[in-house]
Amino acid sequence: MNIKNVAFGGATKMGEGMTREAILIASLGRSGTTWLGNILSGLNGYKMLNEPLRPEDPTEYEARYRHRLYVKENDPAPRLREKLEKAFTGQVPQSYKWDFRSEGRLGMLLEHIWNRKVVVKSTRSLRLLPWIHRTFDLKGTVILIRHPCAVISSMLKSGGWGYDRLEQNGVSPFDQAVGEQAPASVAERLRSDIEGTTTNPEILAHMWALDYHVALNHHENTEGKFSHLVTYEHLLTEGQRCVRGLCAFLGVEPNEGVFQQLNRASRTASDQLSTEDTSRQLRKWKEHLDEDTVERVLSIVHSYDLDIYGPDPMPALQR
């Protein structure tokens, strides 16, 4: 038996928190989730848990199971509920899933024990938000959104995120991108467009749009009772204002540690990321995607009734 694992498992049990203190960051990969998670885990008593819904077994990433999870709002989903209950209370004994501020094993163990409140960072929960908010009483959810062209450009540069082939073992583009992992009414309305997908950026655009279509409709329908919307672009250019607004929504006071993290790029960011040269950072995708690709991506996004972004790097409007 591994002594390190035993020690971390013991610290996990001692550091059990409460669901009502948990903060969920719901977003899509390459949108600044780790950065925002580092910022919020600077709040007093908090620590960050990474991707509790990420499959442990790589074979689970096969076509048809892209893990854009969706369950109906009134579905009991007991296995999913148990998994997220453990996440929101910090009962995840795998040390690699945690992102501690402390250095050294002893410091991490002590932080795990004493900081009982959890910031859960998840890039697979946007389609689950109606179910999550019906099932759990959280401190609050932050919906982080970034320009689809910036997200897709970053995904393409980092390997396509598993959508690198439009036909895989006879699986259609629709089943690769959606399958049963979306509300049937939305999926069926857009089936023909998805089946007509011919490029990887297009299929990624459908994934981006479907995630945020579900999340933002829920955000609007509940009048922001459970969630707070933050754009990556405004977090980068108006960071302190964004953080203060976010903390006001959560009912917490920002501290110096929060603002220190605001000025630091995350460990998962590009080596060329700068939180100072914001203009260049926001326009990088224009250097990577050609005009036809940008036009097609935005056309797909707008077909989902999402009008936050246009050809400009900054949001066209704030919902």
Protein backbone atom coordinates (compact mmCIF):
# COMPACT_ATOMS: atom_id res chain seq x y z
CA MET A 1 0.00 0.00 0.00
CA ASN A 2 1.37 3.42 -1.00
CA ILE A 3 1.95 5.55 2.12
CA LYS A 4 1.51 8.81 0.16
CA ASN A 5 -1.89 7.67 -1.07
CA VAL A 6 -2.94 6.63 2.42
CA ALA A 7 -1.86 9.99 3.85
CA PHE A 8 -3.70 11.92 1.14
CA GLY A 9 -6.80 9.77 1.58
CA GLY A 10 -6.78 10.52 5.30
CA ALA A 11 -6.36 14.24 4.65
CA THR A 12 -9.27 14.08 2.20
CA LYS A 13 -11.59 12.66 4.85
CA MET A 14 -10.45 15.21 7.43
CA GLY A 15 -10.97 18.08 4.98
CA GLU A 16 -14.55 17.24 4.04
CA GLY A 17 -16.51 20.35 3.16
CA MET A 18 -20.14 21.29 2.54
CA THR A 19 -21.90 21.38 -0.82
CA ARG A 20 -23.45 24.77 -0.08
CA GLU A 21 -19.96 26.31 0.08
CA ALA A 22 -18.84 24.87 -3.28
CA ILE A 23 -18.21 27.07 -6.30
CA LEU A 24 -18.53 25.53 -9.77
CA ILE A 25 -16.68 26.96 -12.77
CA ALA A 26 -18.49 25.68 -15.87
CA SER A 27 -16.82 26.32 -19.19
CA LEU A 28 -15.23 24.78 -22.25
CA GLY A 29 -11.58 23.77 -22.43
CA ARG A 30 -9.10 26.45 -23.54
CA SER A 31 -11.31 29.21 -22.15
CA GLY A 32 -9.25 30.25 -19.13
CA THR A 33 -10.83 27.86 -16.63
CA THR A 34 -7.60 27.02 -14.78
CA TRP A 35 -6.75 30.72 -14.55
CA LEU A 36 -10.17 31.59 -13.10
CA GLY A 37 -9.95 28.56 -10.81
CA ASN A 38 -6.61 29.80 -9.47
CA ILE A 39 -8.16 33.23 -8.90
CA LEU A 40 -11.17 31.91 -6.97
CA SER A 41 -9.15 29.38 -4.97
CA GLY A 42 -7.35 32.42 -3.57
CA LEU A 43 -10.51 33.11 -1.54
CA ASN A 44 -10.16 32.33 2.16
CA GLY A 45 -10.67 28.65 2.90
CA TYR A 46 -10.87 27.47 -0.73
CA LYS A 47 -8.92 24.94 -2.82
CA MET A 48 -9.37 23.87 -6.45
CA LEU A 49 -10.45 20.50 -7.82
CA ASN A 50 -9.80 19.78 -11.51
CA GLU A 51 -12.22 18.07 -13.88
CA PRO A 52 -14.14 15.56 -11.74
CA LEU A 53 -16.07 14.44 -14.84
CA ARG A 54 -13.00 13.68 -16.94
CA PRO A 55 -12.88 9.93 -17.78
CA GLU A 56 -10.09 8.04 -16.05
CA ASP A 57 -9.87 5.44 -18.83
CA PRO A 58 -8.61 6.82 -22.20
CA THR A 59 -10.68 4.23 -24.10
CA GLU A 60 -13.81 6.02 -22.86
CA TYR A 61 -13.02 8.83 -25.30
CA GLU A 62 -14.14 6.71 -28.25
CA ALA A 63 -16.59 8.17 -30.78
CA ARG A 64 -20.18 8.54 -29.57
CA TYR A 65 -18.92 9.28 -26.04
CA ARG A 66 -17.31 12.69 -26.18
CA HIS A 67 -18.32 13.48 -22.61
CA ARG A 68 -20.34 16.59 -23.23
CA LEU A 69 -22.61 15.16 -20.55
CA TYR A 70 -26.34 15.80 -20.55
CA VAL A 71 -29.18 14.47 -18.40
CA LYS A 72 -32.74 15.73 -18.18
CA GLU A 73 -33.42 18.15 -15.36
CA ASN A 74 -35.69 15.74 -13.46
CA ASP A 75 -33.54 12.64 -14.03
CA PRO A 76 -32.33 11.17 -10.68
CA ALA A 77 -28.99 10.10 -12.27
CA PRO A 78 -27.75 8.48 -9.01
CA ARG A 79 -24.20 7.67 -10.18
CA LEU A 80 -23.63 11.17 -11.49
CA ARG A 81 -25.12 12.65 -8.32
CA GLU A 82 -22.77 10.58 -6.15
CA LYS A 83 -19.76 11.58 -8.23
CA LEU A 84 -20.52 15.29 -8.04
CA GLU A 85 -21.47 15.12 -4.35
CA LYS A 86 -17.94 13.87 -3.67
CA ALA A 87 -16.50 16.64 -5.83
CA PHE A 88 -18.45 19.46 -4.17
CA THR A 89 -17.51 18.24 -0.68
CA GLY A 90 -13.87 17.60 -1.59
CA GLN A 91 -14.03 13.84 -1.16
CA VAL A 92 -11.78 13.02 -4.11
CA PRO A 93 -8.67 11.21 -2.81
CA GLN A 94 -6.64 11.39 -6.06
CA SER A 95 -3.96 14.03 -5.42
CA TYR A 96 -3.39 14.70 -9.15
CA LYS A 97 -6.91 16.12 -9.45
CA TRP A 98 -6.15 18.93 -7.00
CA ASP A 99 -4.37 22.20 -7.71
CA PHE A 100 -2.92 23.43 -4.43
CA ARG A 101 -1.21 26.77 -3.82
CA SER A 102 1.18 25.26 -1.28
CA GLU A 103 4.53 23.75 -2.21
CA GLY A 104 5.80 20.49 -0.77
CA ARG A 105 3.81 17.47 0.34
CA LEU A 106 3.31 18.59 3.91
CA GLY A 107 2.05 22.00 2.84
CA MET A 108 -0.38 20.41 0.39
CA LEU A 109 -1.70 18.00 3.00
CA LEU A 110 -2.27 20.81 5.49
CA GLU A 111 -3.97 22.94 2.85
CA HIS A 112 -6.19 19.98 1.93
CA ILE A 113 -7.22 19.56 5.58
CA TRP A 114 -7.72 23.20 6.54
CA ASN A 115 -9.23 24.58 3.32
CA ARG A 116 -12.52 22.73 3.27
CA LYS A 117 -14.33 24.82 0.68
CA VAL A 118 -13.99 23.68 -2.94
CA VAL A 119 -13.74 25.45 -6.28
CA VAL A 120 -14.68 22.79 -8.82
CA LYS A 121 -13.36 23.48 -12.32
CA SER A 122 -15.23 21.53 -14.99
CA THR A 123 -15.16 21.81 -18.78
CA ARG A 124 -17.77 19.05 -19.10
CA SER A 125 -20.68 20.44 -17.10
CA LEU A 126 -22.28 23.18 -19.22
CA ARG A 127 -25.04 20.94 -20.56
CA LEU A 128 -25.64 19.65 -17.02
CA LEU A 129 -26.33 22.99 -15.37
CA PRO A 130 -30.15 22.70 -15.28
CA TRP A 131 -29.80 19.29 -13.61
CA ILE A 132 -26.99 20.41 -11.27
CA HIS A 133 -28.93 23.41 -10.00
CA ARG A 134 -32.03 21.30 -9.41
CA THR A 135 -29.99 18.65 -7.58
CA PHE A 136 -27.45 20.63 -5.53
CA ASP A 137 -27.52 23.79 -3.42
CA LEU A 138 -24.17 25.38 -4.31
CA LYS A 139 -22.53 28.64 -3.31
CA GLY A 140 -22.79 29.58 -6.95
CA THR A 141 -21.84 28.70 -10.52
CA VAL A 142 -19.61 30.78 -12.75
CA ILE A 143 -20.19 30.36 -16.49
CA LEU A 144 -16.93 31.34 -18.19
CA ILE A 145 -17.18 32.00 -21.92
CA ARG A 146 -14.53 32.86 -24.51
CA HIS A 147 -14.78 33.75 -28.20
CA PRO A 148 -15.47 30.50 -30.11
CA CYS A 149 -12.76 31.26 -32.67
CA ALA A 150 -10.19 31.70 -29.90
CA VAL A 151 -11.25 28.44 -28.24
CA ILE A 152 -11.25 26.49 -31.52
CA SER A 153 -7.92 27.94 -32.60
CA SER A 154 -6.38 26.86 -29.29
CA MET A 155 -7.95 23.41 -29.51
CA LEU A 156 -6.64 22.89 -33.04
CA LYS A 157 -3.14 23.93 -31.99
CA SER A 158 -3.24 21.43 -29.13
CA GLY A 159 -4.36 18.45 -31.20
CA GLY A 160 -8.02 18.77 -32.13
CA TRP A 161 -9.36 17.49 -28.81
CA GLY A 162 -10.41 14.12 -30.15
CA TYR A 163 -12.49 15.51 -33.02
CA ASP A 164 -9.69 15.08 -35.51
CA ARG A 165 -11.65 12.70 -37.77
CA LEU A 166 -15.17 13.35 -39.00
CA GLU A 167 -15.78 9.69 -39.70
CA GLN A 168 -14.57 7.26 -37.07
CA ASN A 169 -15.45 3.58 -37.19
CA GLY A 170 -18.56 4.40 -39.20
CA VAL A 171 -19.80 6.99 -36.70
CA SER A 172 -21.39 10.04 -38.30
CA PRO A 173 -20.43 13.65 -37.52
CA PHE A 174 -23.72 14.03 -35.63
CA ASP A 175 -23.00 11.09 -33.34
CA GLN A 176 -19.42 12.28 -32.83
CA ALA A 177 -20.48 15.78 -31.84
CA VAL A 178 -23.81 15.14 -30.13
CA GLY A 179 -25.26 11.64 -30.01
CA GLU A 180 -27.66 11.59 -27.07
CA GLN A 181 -25.73 14.20 -25.12
CA ALA A 182 -28.08 17.14 -25.70
CA PRO A 183 -31.77 18.04 -25.44
CA ALA A 184 -33.51 16.12 -28.23
CA SER A 185 -35.44 19.15 -29.47
CA VAL A 186 -32.26 21.16 -30.01
CA ALA A 187 -30.26 18.28 -31.47
CA GLU A 188 -32.94 17.29 -33.97
CA ARG A 189 -33.44 20.87 -35.14
CA LEU A 190 -29.77 21.09 -36.04
CA ARG A 191 -29.16 17.47 -37.12
CA SER A 192 -28.93 18.17 -40.85
CA ASP A 193 -26.46 21.02 -40.34
CA ILE A 194 -24.29 18.88 -38.08
CA GLU A 195 -24.41 15.95 -40.49
CA GLY A 196 -23.21 18.32 -43.21
CA THR A 197 -20.07 19.14 -41.25
CA THR A 198 -16.95 18.77 -43.39
CA THR A 199 -14.11 20.18 -41.28
CA ASN A 200 -12.78 19.80 -37.77
CA PRO A 201 -13.29 23.51 -36.89
CA GLU A 202 -16.97 23.14 -37.84
CA ILE A 203 -17.55 20.17 -35.58
CA LEU A 204 -15.78 22.00 -32.74
CA ALA A 205 -18.03 25.00 -33.39
CA HIS A 206 -21.11 22.81 -32.95
CA MET A 207 -19.69 21.44 -29.71
CA TRP A 208 -18.99 24.99 -28.41
CA ALA A 209 -22.41 26.27 -29.47
CA LEU A 210 -24.41 23.38 -28.06
CA ASP A 211 -22.66 23.62 -24.68
CA TYR A 212 -23.38 27.33 -24.34
CA HIS A 213 -26.85 27.14 -25.88
CA VAL A 214 -27.97 24.92 -22.99
CA ALA A 215 -26.05 26.82 -20.29
CA LEU A 216 -26.98 30.36 -21.33
CA ASN A 217 -30.65 29.56 -21.92
CA HIS A 218 -30.76 28.12 -18.41
CA HIS A 219 -28.94 31.20 -17.07
CA GLU A 220 -31.52 33.49 -18.67
CA ASN A 221 -34.53 31.36 -17.77
CA THR A 222 -33.50 31.40 -14.09
CA GLU A 223 -32.66 35.14 -14.25
CA GLY A 224 -29.13 34.52 -13.01
CA LYS A 225 -30.29 33.08 -9.68
CA PHE A 226 -27.80 30.20 -9.78
CA SER A 227 -25.09 31.43 -12.15
CA HIS A 228 -22.95 34.43 -13.02
CA LEU A 229 -21.61 35.00 -16.54
CA VAL A 230 -17.98 36.06 -17.03
CA THR A 231 -16.30 36.51 -20.40
CA TYR A 232 -12.63 35.68 -20.76
CA GLU A 233 -12.13 38.90 -22.70
CA HIS A 234 -13.47 41.12 -19.91
CA LEU A 235 -11.59 39.11 -17.28
CA LEU A 236 -8.40 39.86 -19.21
CA THR A 237 -9.09 43.54 -19.89
CA GLU A 238 -11.15 44.55 -16.84
CA GLY A 239 -10.04 41.94 -14.35
CA GLN A 240 -10.59 43.73 -11.07
CA ARG A 241 -14.10 44.85 -12.02
CA CYS A 242 -15.00 41.33 -13.13
CA VAL A 243 -13.63 39.75 -9.97
CA ARG A 244 -15.45 42.21 -7.72
CA GLY A 245 -18.73 41.57 -9.54
CA LEU A 246 -18.20 37.83 -9.33
CA CYS A 247 -17.41 37.96 -5.61
CA ALA A 248 -20.50 40.10 -5.02
CA PHE A 249 -22.61 37.41 -6.71
CA LEU A 250 -21.01 34.73 -4.51
CA GLY A 251 -21.41 36.83 -1.37
CA VAL A 252 -17.70 36.75 -0.54
CA GLU A 253 -15.01 39.37 -0.08
CA PRO A 254 -12.07 39.33 -2.51
CA ASN A 255 -8.68 39.38 -0.83
CA GLU A 256 -5.13 40.16 -1.89
CA GLY A 257 -4.50 36.55 -2.90
CA VAL A 258 -7.35 36.72 -5.42
CA PHE A 259 -5.97 39.84 -7.09
CA GLN A 260 -2.44 38.41 -7.15
CA GLN A 261 -3.69 35.38 -9.08
CA LEU A 262 -5.53 37.68 -11.47
CA ASN A 263 -2.19 38.92 -12.80
CA ARG A 264 -0.66 35.47 -13.27
CA ALA A 265 -1.12 33.19 -16.25
CA SER A 266 -2.16 29.65 -15.33
CA ARG A 267 0.13 26.65 -15.68
CA THR A 268 -2.02 25.33 -18.58
CA ALA A 269 -1.86 28.56 -20.57
CA SER A 270 0.20 29.06 -23.70
CA ASP A 271 3.85 29.96 -23.10
CA GLN A 272 3.15 33.17 -25.01
CA LEU A 273 0.21 34.26 -22.84
CA SER A 274 0.58 37.68 -21.28
CA THR A 275 -1.94 39.25 -18.95
CA GLU A 276 -0.38 42.61 -19.80
CA ASP A 277 -0.37 42.60 -23.63
CA THR A 278 -4.11 42.02 -23.77
CA SER A 279 -4.67 43.30 -27.32
CA ARG A 280 -2.27 40.74 -28.80
CA GLN A 281 -3.64 37.95 -26.61
CA LEU A 282 -7.21 38.58 -27.73
CA ARG A 283 -6.34 38.70 -31.45
CA LYS A 284 -4.10 35.63 -31.72
CA TRP A 285 -6.83 33.50 -33.25
CA LYS A 286 -7.02 35.88 -36.23
CA GLU A 287 -3.47 34.82 -37.10
CA HIS A 288 -4.37 31.13 -37.01
CA LEU A 289 -7.81 30.83 -38.62
CA ASP A 290 -8.49 31.96 -42.21
CA GLU A 291 -11.45 34.19 -43.04
CA ASP A 292 -13.59 31.38 -44.47
CA THR A 293 -13.15 29.31 -41.31
CA VAL A 294 -14.01 32.27 -39.08
CA GLU A 295 -17.12 33.00 -41.13
CA ARG A 296 -18.29 29.38 -40.97
CA VAL A 297 -17.62 29.08 -37.23
CA LEU A 298 -19.59 32.25 -36.48
CA SER A 299 -22.41 31.13 -38.78
CA ILE A 300 -22.72 27.87 -36.85
CA VAL A 301 -22.64 29.65 -33.49
CA HIS A 302 -25.30 32.14 -34.58
CA SER A 303 -27.54 29.27 -35.77
CA TYR A 304 -27.85 28.31 -32.09
CA ASP A 305 -29.20 31.80 -31.29
CA LEU A 306 -25.95 32.83 -29.62
CA ASP A 307 -25.12 36.43 -30.48
CA ILE A 308 -22.48 37.27 -27.89
CA TYR A 309 -19.60 37.10 -30.38
CA GLY A 310 -18.97 38.35 -33.90
CA PRO A 311 -15.85 38.96 -36.01
CA ASP A 312 -14.38 41.32 -33.38
CA PRO A 313 -12.25 39.73 -30.61
CA MET A 314 -14.34 41.40 -27.88
CA PRO A 315 -17.91 40.30 -27.08
CA ALA A 316 -20.49 41.97 -29.31
CA LEU A 317 -22.86 42.24 -26.38
CA GLN A 318 -23.08 41.15 -22.76
CA ARG A 319 -26.05 38.99 -21.85
